[in-house]
Protein backbone atom coordinates (compact mmCIF):
# COMPACT_ATOMS: atom_id res chain seq x y z
CA MET A 1 4.84 -11.52 -1.01
CA GLN A 2 7.43 -9.72 1.11
CA LYS A 3 6.55 -6.78 3.36
CA LEU A 4 7.55 -3.48 1.85
CA THR A 5 9.59 -0.73 3.46
CA ASN A 6 7.94 2.67 3.97
CA LYS A 7 9.74 4.06 0.91
CA GLU A 8 8.71 1.06 -1.20
CA GLU A 9 5.09 1.49 -0.09
CA GLU A 10 5.27 5.16 -1.05
CA VAL A 11 6.49 4.22 -4.54
CA MET A 12 3.82 1.54 -4.88
CA LYS A 13 1.09 4.04 -3.96
CA ILE A 14 2.34 6.26 -6.77
CA LEU A 15 2.43 3.37 -9.25
CA TRP A 16 -1.07 2.26 -8.23
CA LYS A 17 -2.24 5.82 -8.88
CA LEU A 18 -0.39 6.33 -12.18
CA LYS A 19 -0.79 2.73 -13.47
CA LYS A 20 2.46 3.03 -15.52
CA ALA A 21 5.38 5.39 -14.97
CA PHE A 22 9.02 6.07 -15.68
CA VAL A 23 11.28 6.72 -12.67
CA LYS A 24 11.25 10.43 -13.55
CA GLU A 25 7.43 10.49 -13.34
CA ILE A 26 7.47 8.66 -10.00
CA LEU A 27 10.00 11.19 -8.69
CA GLU A 28 7.72 14.08 -9.68
CA GLU A 29 4.87 12.58 -7.60
CA ILE A 30 6.85 12.23 -4.36
CA ASP A 31 5.78 14.75 -1.73
CA GLY A 32 8.32 16.48 0.47
CA GLU A 33 12.01 15.77 0.22
CA LYS A 34 12.70 13.89 -2.98
CA PRO A 35 15.30 11.12 -3.10
CA HIS A 36 18.09 11.22 -5.65
CA TYR A 37 17.06 9.73 -9.01
CA ASN A 38 19.49 6.80 -8.58
CA THR A 39 18.13 6.05 -5.11
CA LEU A 40 14.58 5.96 -6.44
CA SER A 41 15.68 3.79 -9.35
CA THR A 42 17.17 1.31 -6.86
CA ILE A 43 13.92 1.25 -4.86
CA VAL A 44 11.95 0.51 -8.04
CA ARG A 45 14.37 -2.29 -9.01
CA ASN A 46 14.00 -3.76 -5.50
CA LEU A 47 10.23 -3.73 -5.97
CA GLN A 48 10.73 -5.55 -9.23
CA GLU A 49 12.94 -8.19 -7.56
CA LYS A 50 10.25 -8.69 -4.90
CA GLY A 51 7.65 -9.26 -7.63
CA TYR A 52 5.60 -6.12 -7.02
CA VAL A 53 6.58 -4.29 -10.20
CA GLY A 54 7.07 -5.22 -13.84
CA HIS A 55 8.49 -3.12 -16.65
CA GLU A 56 8.34 -2.41 -20.36
CA ALA A 57 11.64 -1.54 -22.05
CA PHE A 58 11.94 1.49 -24.30
CA GLY A 59 15.57 1.32 -25.37
CA ASN A 60 17.63 1.94 -22.24
CA THR A 61 14.62 3.29 -20.36
CA HIS A 62 12.01 1.28 -18.47
CA ARG A 63 8.40 2.13 -17.76
CA TYR A 64 7.22 0.39 -14.60
CA PHE A 65 3.80 -0.91 -13.65
CA PRO A 66 2.32 -2.67 -10.59
CA MET A 67 2.10 -6.47 -10.68
CA VAL A 68 0.24 -6.58 -7.35
CA THR A 69 -2.97 -4.65 -6.82
CA LYS A 70 -3.42 -2.31 -3.89
CA GLU A 71 -6.25 -4.56 -2.69
CA GLN A 72 -4.04 -7.68 -2.72
CA TYR A 73 -1.36 -5.91 -0.72
CA ARG A 74 -3.81 -4.34 1.71
CA LYS A 75 -5.58 -7.64 2.37
CA LYS A 76 -2.36 -9.47 3.16
CA TYR A 77 -0.80 -6.83 5.39
CA VAL A 78 -3.90 -5.56 7.15
CA ASN A 79 -4.60 -9.15 8.19
CA ALA A 80 -0.96 -9.53 9.31
CA ALA A 81 -1.13 -6.28 11.31
CA ILE A 82 -4.33 -7.40 13.02
CA ALA A 83 -2.71 -10.72 13.88
CA ASP A 84 0.49 -9.06 15.16
CA TYR A 85 -0.96 -6.10 17.07
CA TYR A 86 -4.51 -7.09 17.99
CA ASP A 87 -4.14 -10.81 18.78
CA ASP A 88 -5.95 -11.68 15.55
CA SER A 89 -9.07 -9.98 16.91
CA TYR A 90 -11.06 -7.52 14.81
CA LYS A 91 -12.99 -6.70 17.98
CA SER A 92 -9.72 -5.53 19.60
CA LEU A 93 -8.94 -3.46 16.51
CA VAL A 94 -12.32 -1.72 16.52
CA SER A 95 -12.14 -1.25 20.31
CA HIS A 96 -8.76 0.43 19.90
CA PHE A 97 -10.16 2.94 17.42
CA ALA A 98 -13.25 3.53 19.57
CA ASN A 99 -11.08 4.18 22.65
CA GLU A 100 -8.88 6.56 20.68
CA GLU A 101 -12.03 8.31 19.42
CA LYS A 102 -11.00 7.62 15.82
CA ILE A 103 -14.37 6.06 15.02
CA SER A 104 -17.80 7.43 15.83
CA VAL A 105 -20.94 5.68 17.00
CA ARG A 106 -22.47 6.44 13.59
CA GLU A 107 -19.53 4.77 11.82
CA LEU A 108 -19.78 1.75 14.13
CA GLN A 109 -23.49 1.48 13.30
CA GLU A 110 -22.64 1.60 9.57
CA ILE A 111 -20.21 -1.29 10.10
CA ILE A 112 -22.89 -3.26 11.97
CA ASP A 113 -25.36 -2.57 9.15
CA LEU A 114 -22.84 -3.84 6.57
CA ILE A 115 -22.29 -7.04 8.56
CA GLU A 116 -26.02 -7.62 8.95
CA LYS A 117 -26.62 -7.15 5.21
CA LYS A 118 -24.12 -9.94 4.46
CA LYS A 119 -25.98 -12.44 6.67
């Protein structure tokens, strides 16, 4: 599974949400500045070449659908990000968020409780 570009991830998020969509429907869901239809079509075809997206043909039109779940993608790339940026240490990751005040003591306690329940 290849890493996706930011634009590809944006398209995948839309496909995960919609389940199945034509390029026109994907385009309608894009927030902010919308790419040209042909540009978006190229992005979707690239996703298909990478194995992330499949399609159903309706004449000359294709309806696309995800071949990789959001959970599969998240698991692979969150683990890669932790390895690359936090020396493969979840403790370093959590410490980073605690130092940046992005996680509260209550949330940390909830994480501890989850870990203890699994033991």
